[in-house]
């Protein structure tokens, strides 16, 4: 996808700092963090919607989230994983990704 910033960041030519990377996804810091630690877990393949038959990939992303949470020290006190899907869900980049957030106590509900 030529206009997708996440596809560009995930390309071999990108110099973006990756916290984690494997054949299926990569992890970067959010450029506009809303918590002390705010990471994005992004599939390497361009996938727009959550329901695009990606059961194995979604499971893999959750396993990676757990590994990265431990690696960054979030596992000890807890963290939040969020997927924003579609306009009403707050999705601003049309490429499936998970937000891994923590580093402080997070309130219940939609506020941060």
PDB file of N, CA and C in Angstrom:
ATOM      1  N   UNK A   1       0.839  -1.179   0.000  1.00  0.00           N
ATOM      2  CA  UNK A   1       0.000   0.000   0.000  1.00  0.00           C
ATOM      3  C   UNK A   1       0.882   1.239   0.000  1.00  0.00           C
ATOM      4  N   UNK A   2       0.893   1.946  -1.091  1.00  0.00           N
ATOM      5  CA  UNK A   2       1.784   3.070  -1.267  1.00  0.00           C
ATOM      6  C   UNK A   2       1.580   4.224  -0.301  1.00  0.00           C
ATOM      7  N   UNK A   3       0.360   4.464   0.149  1.00  0.00           N
ATOM      8  CA  UNK A   3       0.086   5.610   1.010  1.00  0.00           C
ATOM      9  C   UNK A   3      -0.014   5.247   2.490  1.00  0.00           C
ATOM     10  N   UNK A   4       0.299   4.030   2.857  1.00  0.00           N
ATOM     11  CA  UNK A   4       0.133   3.597   4.239  1.00  0.00           C
ATOM     12  C   UNK A   4       1.419   3.829   5.032  1.00  0.00           C
ATOM     13  N   UNK A   5       1.331   4.678   6.045  1.00  0.00           N
ATOM     14  CA  UNK A   5       2.505   4.994   6.859  1.00  0.00           C
ATOM     15  C   UNK A   5       3.029   3.754   7.579  1.00  0.00           C
ATOM     16  N   UNK A   6       2.134   2.860   8.016  1.00  0.00           N
ATOM     17  CA  UNK A   6       2.601   1.656   8.707  1.00  0.00           C
ATOM     18  C   UNK A   6       3.297   0.693   7.753  1.00  0.00           C
ATOM     19  N   UNK A   7       2.822   0.603   6.515  1.00  0.00           N
ATOM     20  CA  UNK A   7       3.518  -0.229   5.527  1.00  0.00           C
ATOM     21  C   UNK A   7       4.902   0.349   5.240  1.00  0.00           C
ATOM     22  N   UNK A   8       4.980   1.664   5.181  1.00  0.00           N
ATOM     23  CA  UNK A   8       6.266   2.334   4.953  1.00  0.00           C
ATOM     24  C   UNK A   8       7.224   2.069   6.114  1.00  0.00           C
ATOM     25  N   UNK A   9       6.736   2.203   7.342  1.00  0.00           N
ATOM     26  CA  UNK A   9       7.574   1.962   8.517  1.00  0.00           C
ATOM     27  C   UNK A   9       8.004   0.498   8.578  1.00  0.00           C
ATOM     28  N   UNK A  10       7.131  -0.395   8.173  1.00  0.00           N
ATOM     29  CA  UNK A  10       7.437  -1.823   8.213  1.00  0.00           C
ATOM     30  C   UNK A  10       8.347  -2.308   7.109  1.00  0.00           C
ATOM     31  N   UNK A  11       8.595  -1.469   6.111  1.00  0.00           N
ATOM     32  CA  UNK A  11       9.439  -1.889   4.990  1.00  0.00           C
ATOM     33  C   UNK A  11      10.895  -2.024   5.419  1.00  0.00           C
ATOM     34  N   UNK A  12      11.637  -2.804   4.676  1.00  0.00           N
ATOM     35  CA  UNK A  12      13.060  -3.012   4.968  1.00  0.00           C
ATOM     36  C   UNK A  12      13.859  -1.723   4.841  1.00  0.00           C
ATOM     37  N   UNK A  13      13.360  -0.755   4.087  1.00  0.00           N
ATOM     38  CA  UNK A  13      14.076   0.506   3.870  1.00  0.00           C
ATOM     39  C   UNK A  13      13.901   1.502   5.014  1.00  0.00           C
ATOM     40  N   UNK A  14      12.946   1.252   5.890  1.00  0.00           N
ATOM     41  CA  UNK A  14      12.663   2.195   6.970  1.00  0.00           C
ATOM     42  C   UNK A  14      13.752   2.162   8.034  1.00  0.00           C
ATOM     43  N   UNK A  15      14.058   3.332   8.545  1.00  0.00           N
ATOM     44  CA  UNK A  15      15.034   3.439   9.622  1.00  0.00           C
ATOM     45  C   UNK A  15      14.344   3.597  10.982  1.00  0.00           C
ATOM     46  N   UNK A  16      13.037   3.398  11.009  1.00  0.00           N
ATOM     47  CA  UNK A  16      12.285   3.526  12.257  1.00  0.00           C
ATOM     48  C   UNK A  16      12.789   2.516  13.282  1.00  0.00           C
ATOM     49  N   UNK A  17      12.875   2.964  14.521  1.00  0.00           N
ATOM     50  CA  UNK A  17      13.333   2.080  15.595  1.00  0.00           C
ATOM     51  C   UNK A  17      12.217   1.110  15.967  1.00  0.00           C
ATOM     52  N   UNK A  18      12.525  -0.158  15.880  1.00  0.00           N
ATOM     53  CA  UNK A  18      11.564  -1.201  16.232  1.00  0.00           C
ATOM     54  C   UNK A  18      11.947  -1.788  17.586  1.00  0.00           C
ATOM     55  N   UNK A  19      10.990  -1.901  18.460  1.00  0.00           N
ATOM     56  CA  UNK A  19      11.210  -2.499  19.771  1.00  0.00           C
ATOM     57  C   UNK A  19      11.204  -4.014  19.650  1.00  0.00           C
ATOM     58  N   UNK A  20      10.446  -4.502  18.683  1.00  0.00           N
ATOM     59  CA  UNK A  20      10.322  -5.939  18.432  1.00  0.00           C
ATOM     60  C   UNK A  20       9.986  -6.100  16.956  1.00  0.00           C
ATOM     61  N   UNK A  21      10.438  -7.218  16.389  1.00  0.00           N
ATOM     62  CA  UNK A  21      10.075  -7.522  15.004  1.00  0.00           C
ATOM     63  C   UNK A  21      10.204  -9.019  14.779  1.00  0.00           C
ATOM     64  N   UNK A  22       9.262  -9.576  14.036  1.00  0.00           N
ATOM     65  CA  UNK A  22       9.355 -10.949  13.568  1.00  0.00           C
ATOM     66  C   UNK A  22       8.764 -10.994  12.160  1.00  0.00           C
ATOM     67  N   UNK A  23       8.491 -12.171  11.651  1.00  0.00           N
ATOM     68  CA  UNK A  23       7.992 -12.291  10.274  1.00  0.00           C
ATOM     69  C   UNK A  23       6.573 -11.756  10.092  1.00  0.00           C
ATOM     70  N   UNK A  24       5.833 -11.574  11.188  1.00  0.00           N
ATOM     71  CA  UNK A  24       4.416 -11.232  11.092  1.00  0.00           C
ATOM     72  C   UNK A  24       4.059  -9.829  11.571  1.00  0.00           C
ATOM     73  N   UNK A  25       4.918  -9.260  12.418  1.00  0.00           N
ATOM     74  CA  UNK A  25       4.581  -7.953  12.970  1.00  0.00           C
ATOM     75  C   UNK A  25       5.829  -7.236  13.461  1.00  0.00           C
ATOM     76  N   UNK A  26       5.638  -5.975  13.801  1.00  0.00           N
ATOM     77  CA  UNK A  26       6.703  -5.191  14.417  1.00  0.00           C
ATOM     78  C   UNK A  26       6.070  -4.272  15.456  1.00  0.00           C
ATOM     79  N   UNK A  27       6.897  -3.780  16.373  1.00  0.00           N
ATOM     80  CA  UNK A  27       6.416  -2.935  17.460  1.00  0.00           C
ATOM     81  C   UNK A  27       7.240  -1.657  17.478  1.00  0.00           C
ATOM     82  N   UNK A  28       6.533  -0.524  17.533  1.00  0.00           N
ATOM     83  CA  UNK A  28       7.184   0.784  17.597  1.00  0.00           C
ATOM     84  C   UNK A  28       6.534   1.610  18.701  1.00  0.00           C
ATOM     85  N   UNK A  29       7.190   2.698  19.083  1.00  0.00           N
ATOM     86  CA  UNK A  29       6.582   3.632  20.027  1.00  0.00           C
ATOM     87  C   UNK A  29       5.574   4.512  19.290  1.00  0.00           C
ATOM     88  N   UNK A  30       4.464   4.791  19.950  1.00  0.00           N
ATOM     89  CA  UNK A  30       3.481   5.720  19.392  1.00  0.00           C
ATOM     90  C   UNK A  30       4.091   7.123  19.407  1.00  0.00           C
ATOM     91  N   UNK A  31       3.951   7.862  18.312  1.00  0.00           N
ATOM     92  CA  UNK A  31       4.548   9.203  18.258  1.00  0.00           C
ATOM     93  C   UNK A  31       3.747  10.226  19.069  1.00  0.00           C
ATOM     94  N   UNK A  32       2.518   9.867  19.443  1.00  0.00           N
ATOM     95  CA  UNK A  32       1.682  10.729  20.286  1.00  0.00           C
ATOM     96  C   UNK A  32       1.187   9.924  21.488  1.00  0.00           C
ATOM     97  N   UNK A  33       2.091   9.555  22.392  1.00  0.00           N
ATOM     98  CA  UNK A  33       1.690   8.671  23.492  1.00  0.00           C
ATOM     99  C   UNK A  33       0.696   9.333  24.440  1.00  0.00           C
ATOM    100  N   UNK A  34      -0.240   8.524  24.934  1.00  0.00           N
ATOM    101  CA  UNK A  34      -1.200   9.022  25.919  1.00  0.00           C
ATOM    102  C   UNK A  34      -0.959   8.389  27.287  1.00  0.00           C
ATOM    103  N   UNK A  35       0.040   7.527  27.380  1.00  0.00           N
ATOM    104  CA  UNK A  35       0.482   6.934  28.638  1.00  0.00           C
ATOM    105  C   UNK A  35       2.008   6.940  28.623  1.00  0.00           C
ATOM    106  N   UNK A  36       2.648   6.768  29.787  1.00  0.00           N
ATOM    107  CA  UNK A  36       4.115   6.775  29.804  1.00  0.00           C
ATOM    108  C   UNK A  36       4.752   5.767  28.845  1.00  0.00           C
ATOM    109  N   UNK A  37       4.149   4.598  28.732  1.00  0.00           N
ATOM    110  CA  UNK A  37       4.577   3.628  27.723  1.00  0.00           C
ATOM    111  C   UNK A  37       3.384   3.387  26.811  1.00  0.00           C
ATOM    112  N   UNK A  38       3.540   3.703  25.536  1.00  0.00           N
ATOM    113  CA  UNK A  38       2.460   3.557  24.558  1.00  0.00           C
ATOM    114  C   UNK A  38       3.090   3.027  23.272  1.00  0.00           C
ATOM    115  N   UNK A  39       2.861   1.752  23.014  1.00  0.00           N
ATOM    116  CA  UNK A  39       3.468   1.081  21.869  1.00  0.00           C
ATOM    117  C   UNK A  39       2.395   0.654  20.882  1.00  0.00           C
ATOM    118  N   UNK A  40       2.794   0.510  19.622  1.00  0.00           N
ATOM    119  CA  UNK A  40       1.907   0.026  18.570  1.00  0.00           C
ATOM    120  C   UNK A  40       2.433  -1.305  18.061  1.00  0.00           C
ATOM    121  N   UNK A  41       1.577  -2.312  18.033  1.00  0.00           N
ATOM    122  CA  UNK A  41       1.897  -3.620  17.468  1.00  0.00           C
ATOM    123  C   UNK A  41       1.221  -3.674  16.109  1.00  0.00           C
ATOM    124  N   UNK A  42       2.019  -3.783  15.065  1.00  0.00           N
ATOM    125  CA  UNK A  42       1.519  -3.598  13.704  1.00  0.00           C
ATOM    126  C   UNK A  42       1.833  -4.820  12.852  1.00  0.00           C
ATOM    127  N   UNK A  43       0.817  -5.425  12.230  1.00  0.00           N
ATOM    128  CA  UNK A  43       1.098  -6.527  11.310  1.00  0.00           C
ATOM    129  C   UNK A  43       1.928  -6.034  10.122  1.00  0.00           C
ATOM    130  N   UNK A  44       2.850  -6.854   9.677  1.00  0.00           N
ATOM    131  CA  UNK A  44       3.659  -6.517   8.507  1.00  0.00           C
ATOM    132  C   UNK A  44       2.782  -6.454   7.258  1.00  0.00           C
ATOM    133  N   UNK A  45       1.827  -7.372   7.168  1.00  0.00           N
ATOM    134  CA  UNK A  45       0.894  -7.393   6.042  1.00  0.00           C
ATOM    135  C   UNK A  45      -0.128  -6.270   6.206  1.00  0.00           C
ATOM    136  N   UNK A  46      -0.471  -5.606   5.113  1.00  0.00           N
ATOM    137  CA  UNK A  46      -1.466  -4.530   5.171  1.00  0.00           C
ATOM    138  C   UNK A  46      -2.857  -5.140   5.340  1.00  0.00           C
ATOM    139  N   UNK A  47      -3.399  -4.980   6.529  1.00  0.00           N
ATOM    140  CA  UNK A  47      -4.737  -5.467   6.855  1.00  0.00           C
ATOM    141  C   UNK A  47      -5.513  -4.268   7.384  1.00  0.00           C
ATOM    142  N   UNK A  48      -6.652  -3.984   6.783  1.00  0.00           N
ATOM    143  CA  UNK A  48      -7.413  -2.804   7.175  1.00  0.00           C
ATOM    144  C   UNK A  48      -8.369  -3.113   8.320  1.00  0.00           C
ATOM    145  N   UNK A  49      -9.079  -4.227   8.229  1.00  0.00           N
ATOM    146  CA  UNK A  49     -10.160  -4.483   9.171  1.00  0.00           C
ATOM    147  C   UNK A  49      -9.903  -5.711  10.029  1.00  0.00           C
ATOM    148  N   UNK A  50     -10.354  -5.618  11.240  1.00  0.00           N
ATOM    149  CA  UNK A  50     -10.162  -6.655  12.240  1.00  0.00           C
ATOM    150  C   UNK A  50     -10.731  -8.000  11.805  1.00  0.00           C
ATOM    151  N   UNK A  51     -11.807  -7.996  11.078  1.00  0.00           N
ATOM    152  CA  UNK A  51     -12.511  -9.235  10.744  1.00  0.00           C
ATOM    153  C   UNK A  51     -12.068  -9.871   9.427  1.00  0.00           C
ATOM    154  N   UNK A  52     -10.922  -9.501   8.928  1.00  0.00           N
ATOM    155  CA  UNK A  52     -10.439 -10.049   7.660  1.00  0.00           C
ATOM    156  C   UNK A  52      -9.777 -11.423   7.821  1.00  0.00           C
ATOM    157  N   UNK A  53     -10.448 -12.355   8.505  1.00  0.00           N
ATOM    158  CA  UNK A  53      -9.974 -13.737   8.663  1.00  0.00           C
ATOM    159  C   UNK A  53      -8.531 -13.822   9.130  1.00  0.00           C
ATOM    160  N   UNK A  54      -8.249 -13.183  10.221  1.00  0.00           N
ATOM    161  CA  UNK A  54      -6.876 -13.113  10.725  1.00  0.00           C
ATOM    162  C   UNK A  54      -6.742 -13.739  12.116  1.00  0.00           C
ATOM    163  N   UNK A  55      -7.429 -14.858  12.365  1.00  0.00           N
ATOM    164  CA  UNK A  55      -7.427 -15.449  13.701  1.00  0.00           C
ATOM    165  C   UNK A  55      -6.017 -15.753  14.197  1.00  0.00           C
ATOM    166  N   UNK A  56      -5.198 -16.397  13.370  1.00  0.00           N
ATOM    167  CA  UNK A  56      -3.839 -16.756  13.792  1.00  0.00           C
ATOM    168  C   UNK A  56      -2.999 -15.510  14.047  1.00  0.00           C
ATOM    169  N   UNK A  57      -3.126 -14.522  13.189  1.00  0.00           N
ATOM    170  CA  UNK A  57      -2.358 -13.292  13.356  1.00  0.00           C
ATOM    171  C   UNK A  57      -2.769 -12.563  14.632  1.00  0.00           C
ATOM    172  N   UNK A  58      -4.059 -12.485  14.899  1.00  0.00           N
ATOM    173  CA  UNK A  58      -4.522 -11.801  16.110  1.00  0.00           C
ATOM    174  C   UNK A  58      -4.009 -12.503  17.360  1.00  0.00           C
ATOM    175  N   UNK A  59      -4.017 -13.829  17.348  1.00  0.00           N
ATOM    176  CA  UNK A  59      -3.454 -14.578  18.469  1.00  0.00           C
ATOM    177  C   UNK A  59      -1.972 -14.294  18.623  1.00  0.00           C
ATOM    178  N   UNK A  60      -1.263 -14.246  17.513  1.00  0.00           N
ATOM    179  CA  UNK A  60       0.171 -13.947  17.541  1.00  0.00           C
ATOM    180  C   UNK A  60       0.422 -12.552  18.108  1.00  0.00           C
ATOM    181  N   UNK A  61      -0.382 -11.579  17.701  1.00  0.00           N
ATOM    182  CA  UNK A  61      -0.213 -10.217  18.207  1.00  0.00           C
ATOM    183  C   UNK A  61      -0.398 -10.155  19.726  1.00  0.00           C
ATOM    184  N   UNK A  62      -1.330 -10.934  20.251  1.00  0.00           N
ATOM    185  CA  UNK A  62      -1.530 -10.946  21.702  1.00  0.00           C
ATOM    186  C   UNK A  62      -0.351 -11.596  22.422  1.00  0.00           C
ATOM    187  N   UNK A  63       0.215 -12.641  21.838  1.00  0.00           N
ATOM    188  CA  UNK A  63       1.409 -13.268  22.418  1.00  0.00           C
ATOM    189  C   UNK A  63       2.569 -12.275  22.406  1.00  0.00           C
ATOM    190  N   UNK A  64       2.742 -11.573  21.292  1.00  0.00           N
ATOM    191  CA  UNK A  64       3.806 -10.564  21.194  1.00  0.00           C
ATOM    192  C   UNK A  64       3.561  -9.449  22.211  1.00  0.00           C
ATOM    193  N   UNK A  65       2.315  -9.035  22.380  1.00  0.00           N
ATOM    194  CA  UNK A  65       2.002  -7.991  23.365  1.00  0.00           C
ATOM    195  C   UNK A  65       2.447  -8.420  24.757  1.00  0.00           C
ATOM    196  N   UNK A  66       2.214  -9.665  25.098  1.00  0.00           N
ATOM    197  CA  UNK A  66       2.631 -10.177  26.402  1.00  0.00           C
ATOM    198  C   UNK A  66       4.152 -10.161  26.545  1.00  0.00           C
ATOM    199  N   UNK A  67       4.850 -10.587  25.499  1.00  0.00           N
ATOM    200  CA  UNK A  67       6.325 -10.583  25.520  1.00  0.00           C
ATOM    201  C   UNK A  67       6.873  -9.164  25.662  1.00  0.00           C
ATOM    202  N   UNK A  68       6.320  -8.254  24.887  1.00  0.00           N
ATOM    203  CA  UNK A  68       6.800  -6.869  24.915  1.00  0.00           C
ATOM    204  C   UNK A  68       6.442  -6.209  26.250  1.00  0.00           C
ATOM    205  N   UNK A  69       5.280  -6.546  26.805  1.00  0.00           N
ATOM    206  CA  UNK A  69       4.901  -6.013  28.117  1.00  0.00           C
ATOM    207  C   UNK A  69       5.921  -6.444  29.170  1.00  0.00           C
ATOM    208  N   UNK A  70       6.366  -7.675  29.087  1.00  0.00           N
ATOM    209  CA  UNK A  70       7.387  -8.137  30.033  1.00  0.00           C
ATOM    210  C   UNK A  70       8.718  -7.433  29.773  1.00  0.00           C
ATOM    211  N   UNK A  71       9.092  -7.333  28.512  1.00  0.00           N
ATOM    212  CA  UNK A  71      10.359  -6.701  28.113  1.00  0.00           C
ATOM    213  C   UNK A  71      10.438  -5.242  28.559  1.00  0.00           C
ATOM    214  N   UNK A  72       9.318  -4.538  28.541  1.00  0.00           N
ATOM    215  CA  UNK A  72       9.305  -3.111  28.878  1.00  0.00           C
ATOM    216  C   UNK A  72       8.943  -2.833  30.339  1.00  0.00           C
ATOM    217  N   UNK A  73       8.711  -3.880  31.108  1.00  0.00           N
ATOM    218  CA  UNK A  73       8.393  -3.707  32.518  1.00  0.00           C
ATOM    219  C   UNK A  73       6.922  -3.465  32.818  1.00  0.00           C
ATOM    220  N   UNK A  74       6.064  -3.564  31.819  1.00  0.00           N
ATOM    221  CA  UNK A  74       4.632  -3.334  32.042  1.00  0.00           C
ATOM    222  C   UNK A  74       3.940  -4.505  32.729  1.00  0.00           C
ATOM    223  N   UNK A  75       4.497  -5.693  32.571  1.00  0.00           N
ATOM    224  CA  UNK A  75       3.824  -6.891  33.067  1.00  0.00           C
ATOM    225  C   UNK A  75       3.604  -6.849  34.581  1.00  0.00           C
ATOM    226  N   UNK A  76       4.538  -6.284  35.321  1.00  0.00           N
ATOM    227  CA  UNK A  76       4.469  -6.296  36.784  1.00  0.00           C
ATOM    228  C   UNK A  76       3.223  -5.605  37.332  1.00  0.00           C
ATOM    229  N   UNK A  77       2.860  -4.462  36.778  1.00  0.00           N
ATOM    230  CA  UNK A  77       1.738  -3.684  37.311  1.00  0.00           C
ATOM    231  C   UNK A  77       0.507  -3.679  36.430  1.00  0.00           C
ATOM    232  N   UNK A  78       0.611  -4.210  35.225  1.00  0.00           N
ATOM    233  CA  UNK A  78      -0.537  -4.288  34.341  1.00  0.00           C
ATOM    234  C   UNK A  78      -0.464  -3.308  33.179  1.00  0.00           C
ATOM    235  N   UNK A  79      -1.308  -3.545  32.211  1.00  0.00           N
ATOM    236  CA  UNK A  79      -1.303  -2.758  30.984  1.00  0.00           C
ATOM    237  C   UNK A  79      -2.655  -2.888  30.310  1.00  0.00           C
ATOM    238  N   UNK A  80      -2.859  -2.111  29.267  1.00  0.00           N
ATOM    239  CA  UNK A  80      -4.088  -2.160  28.482  1.00  0.00           C
ATOM    240  C   UNK A  80      -3.734  -2.396  27.021  1.00  0.00           C
ATOM    241  N   UNK A  81      -4.525  -3.250  26.370  1.00  0.00           N
ATOM    242  CA  UNK A  81      -4.400  -3.487  24.930  1.00  0.00           C
ATOM    243  C   UNK A  81      -5.696  -2.999  24.292  1.00  0.00           C
ATOM    244  N   UNK A  82      -5.569  -2.170  23.259  1.00  0.00           N
ATOM    245  CA  UNK A  82      -6.735  -1.601  22.595  1.00  0.00           C
ATOM    246  C   UNK A  82      -6.602  -1.743  21.087  1.00  0.00           C
ATOM    247  N   UNK A  83      -7.733  -2.024  20.433  1.00  0.00           N
ATOM    248  CA  UNK A  83      -7.810  -1.989  18.972  1.00  0.00           C
ATOM    249  C   UNK A  83      -8.909  -0.995  18.616  1.00  0.00           C
ATOM    250  N   UNK A  84      -8.573   0.016  17.846  1.00  0.00           N
ATOM    251  CA  UNK A  84      -9.563   0.965  17.345  1.00  0.00           C
ATOM    252  C   UNK A  84      -9.954   0.515  15.942  1.00  0.00           C
ATOM    253  N   UNK A  85     -11.237   0.225  15.736  1.00  0.00           N
ATOM    254  CA  UNK A  85     -11.697  -0.271  14.444  1.00  0.00           C
ATOM    255  C   UNK A  85     -12.725   0.674  13.853  1.00  0.00           C
ATOM    256  N   UNK A  86     -12.429   1.216  12.690  1.00  0.00           N
ATOM    257  CA  UNK A  86     -13.360   2.084  11.985  1.00  0.00           C
ATOM    258  C   UNK A  86     -13.429   3.490  12.563  1.00  0.00           C
ATOM    259  N   UNK A  87     -14.130   4.339  11.847  1.00  0.00           N
ATOM    260  CA  UNK A  87     -14.233   5.761  12.212  1.00  0.00           C
ATOM    261  C   UNK A  87     -14.794   5.957  13.619  1.00  0.00           C
ATOM    262  N   UNK A  88     -15.917   5.319  13.913  1.00  0.00           N
ATOM    263  CA  UNK A  88     -16.530   5.493  15.230  1.00  0.00           C
ATOM    264  C   UNK A  88     -15.701   4.868  16.347  1.00  0.00           C
ATOM    265  N   UNK A  89     -14.844   3.928  15.999  1.00  0.00           N
ATOM    266  CA  UNK A  89     -13.965   3.305  16.982  1.00  0.00           C
ATOM    267  C   UNK A  89     -12.678   4.074  17.207  1.00  0.00           C
ATOM    268  N   UNK A  90     -12.488   5.156  16.458  1.00  0.00           N
ATOM    269  CA  UNK A  90     -11.309   5.990  16.642  1.00  0.00           C
ATOM    270  C   UNK A  90     -10.105   5.604  15.801  1.00  0.00           C
ATOM    271  N   UNK A  91     -10.301   4.718  14.824  1.00  0.00           N
ATOM    272  CA  UNK A  91      -9.182   4.311  13.964  1.00  0.00           C
ATOM    273  C   UNK A  91      -8.816   5.463  13.031  1.00  0.00           C
ATOM    274  N   UNK A  92      -7.563   5.906  13.082  1.00  0.00           N
ATOM    275  CA  UNK A  92      -7.122   7.022  12.242  1.00  0.00           C
ATOM    276  C   UNK A  92      -6.194   6.583  11.121  1.00  0.00           C
ATOM    277  N   UNK A  93      -5.608   5.402  11.236  1.00  0.00           N
ATOM    278  CA  UNK A  93      -4.751   4.862  10.174  1.00  0.00           C
ATOM    279  C   UNK A  93      -5.378   3.553   9.719  1.00  0.00           C
ATOM    280  N   UNK A  94      -5.733   3.430   8.431  1.00  0.00           N
ATOM    281  CA  UNK A  94      -6.426   2.237   7.954  1.00  0.00           C
ATOM    282  C   UNK A  94      -5.485   1.040   7.764  1.00  0.00           C
ATOM    283  N   UNK A  95      -4.867   0.639   8.851  1.00  0.00           N
ATOM    284  CA  UNK A  95      -3.992  -0.541   8.894  1.00  0.00           C
ATOM    285  C   UNK A  95      -4.153  -1.087  10.310  1.00  0.00           C
ATOM    286  N   UNK A  96      -4.660  -2.301  10.426  1.00  0.00           N
ATOM    287  CA  UNK A  96      -4.895  -2.902  11.732  1.00  0.00           C
ATOM    288  C   UNK A  96      -3.666  -2.763  12.625  1.00  0.00           C
ATOM    289  N   UNK A  97      -3.875  -2.372  13.880  1.00  0.00           N
ATOM    290  CA  UNK A  97      -2.782  -2.301  14.852  1.00  0.00           C
ATOM    291  C   UNK A  97      -3.355  -2.318  16.260  1.00  0.00           C
ATOM    292  N   UNK A  98      -2.545  -2.758  17.198  1.00  0.00           N
ATOM    293  CA  UNK A  98      -2.921  -2.796  18.600  1.00  0.00           C
ATOM    294  C   UNK A  98      -2.134  -1.737  19.348  1.00  0.00           C
ATOM    295  N   UNK A  99      -2.780  -1.111  20.312  1.00  0.00           N
ATOM    296  CA  UNK A  99      -2.113  -0.183  21.218  1.00  0.00           C
ATOM    297  C   UNK A  99      -1.823  -0.948  22.508  1.00  0.00           C
ATOM    298  N   UNK A 100      -0.586  -0.908  22.958  1.00  0.00           N
ATOM    299  CA  UNK A 100      -0.183  -1.480  24.240  1.00  0.00           C
ATOM    300  C   UNK A 100       0.212  -0.305  25.126  1.00  0.00           C
ATOM    301  N   UNK A 101      -0.557  -0.094  26.199  1.00  0.00           N
ATOM    302  CA  UNK A 101      -0.372   1.117  27.008  1.00  0.00           C
ATOM    303  C   UNK A 101      -0.230   0.774  28.481  1.00  0.00           C
ATOM    304  N   UNK A 102       0.593   1.549  29.157  1.00  0.00           N
ATOM    305  CA  UNK A 102       0.755   1.363  30.591  1.00  0.00           C
ATOM    306  C   UNK A 102       1.776   2.335  31.143  1.00  0.00           C
ATOM    307  N   UNK A 103       2.270   2.006  32.323  1.00  0.00           N
ATOM    308  CA  UNK A 103       3.245   2.864  32.977  1.00  0.00           C
ATOM    309  C   UNK A 103       2.635   3.734  34.061  1.00  0.00           C
ATOM    310  N   UNK A 104       1.320   3.642  34.207  1.00  0.00           N
ATOM    311  CA  UNK A 104       0.596   4.323  35.284  1.00  0.00           C
ATOM    312  C   UNK A 104      -0.765   3.651  35.400  1.00  0.00           C
ATOM    313  N   UNK A 105      -1.470   3.946  36.479  1.00  0.00           N
ATOM    314  CA  UNK A 105      -2.808   3.385  36.639  1.00  0.00           C
ATOM    315  C   UNK A 105      -3.738   4.014  35.602  1.00  0.00           C
ATOM    316  N   UNK A 106      -4.463   3.175  34.900  1.00  0.00           N
ATOM    317  CA  UNK A 106      -5.378   3.648  33.859  1.00  0.00           C
ATOM    318  C   UNK A 106      -6.812   3.565  34.369  1.00  0.00           C
ATOM    319  N   UNK A 107      -7.603   4.611  34.155  1.00  0.00           N
ATOM    320  CA  UNK A 107      -8.989   4.594  34.626  1.00  0.00           C
ATOM    321  C   UNK A 107      -9.831   3.610  33.823  1.00  0.00           C
ATOM    322  N   UNK A 108     -10.911   3.163  34.420  1.00  0.00           N
ATOM    323  CA  UNK A 108     -11.847   2.294  33.727  1.00  0.00           C
ATOM    324  C   UNK A 108     -12.632   3.124  32.717  1.00  0.00           C
ATOM    325  N   UNK A 109     -12.946   2.535  31.589  1.00  0.00           N
ATOM    326  CA  UNK A 109     -13.750   3.218  30.583  1.00  0.00           C
ATOM    327  C   UNK A 109     -12.899   3.730  29.443  1.00  0.00           C
ATOM    328  N   UNK A 110     -13.390   4.742  28.766  1.00  0.00           N
ATOM    329  CA  UNK A 110     -12.712   5.223  27.564  1.00  0.00           C
ATOM    330  C   UNK A 110     -11.677   6.293  27.832  1.00  0.00           C
ATOM    331  N   UNK A 111     -11.683   6.898  28.986  1.00  0.00           N
ATOM    332  CA  UNK A 111     -10.726   7.963  29.277  1.00  0.00           C
ATOM    333  C   UNK A 111      -9.349   7.431  29.621  1.00  0.00           C
ATOM    334  N   UNK A 112      -8.344   8.257  29.414  1.00  0.00           N
ATOM    335  CA  UNK A 112      -6.977   7.872  29.748  1.00  0.00           C
ATOM    336  C   UNK A 112      -6.382   8.904  30.660  1.00  0.00           C
TER     337      UNK A 112
END
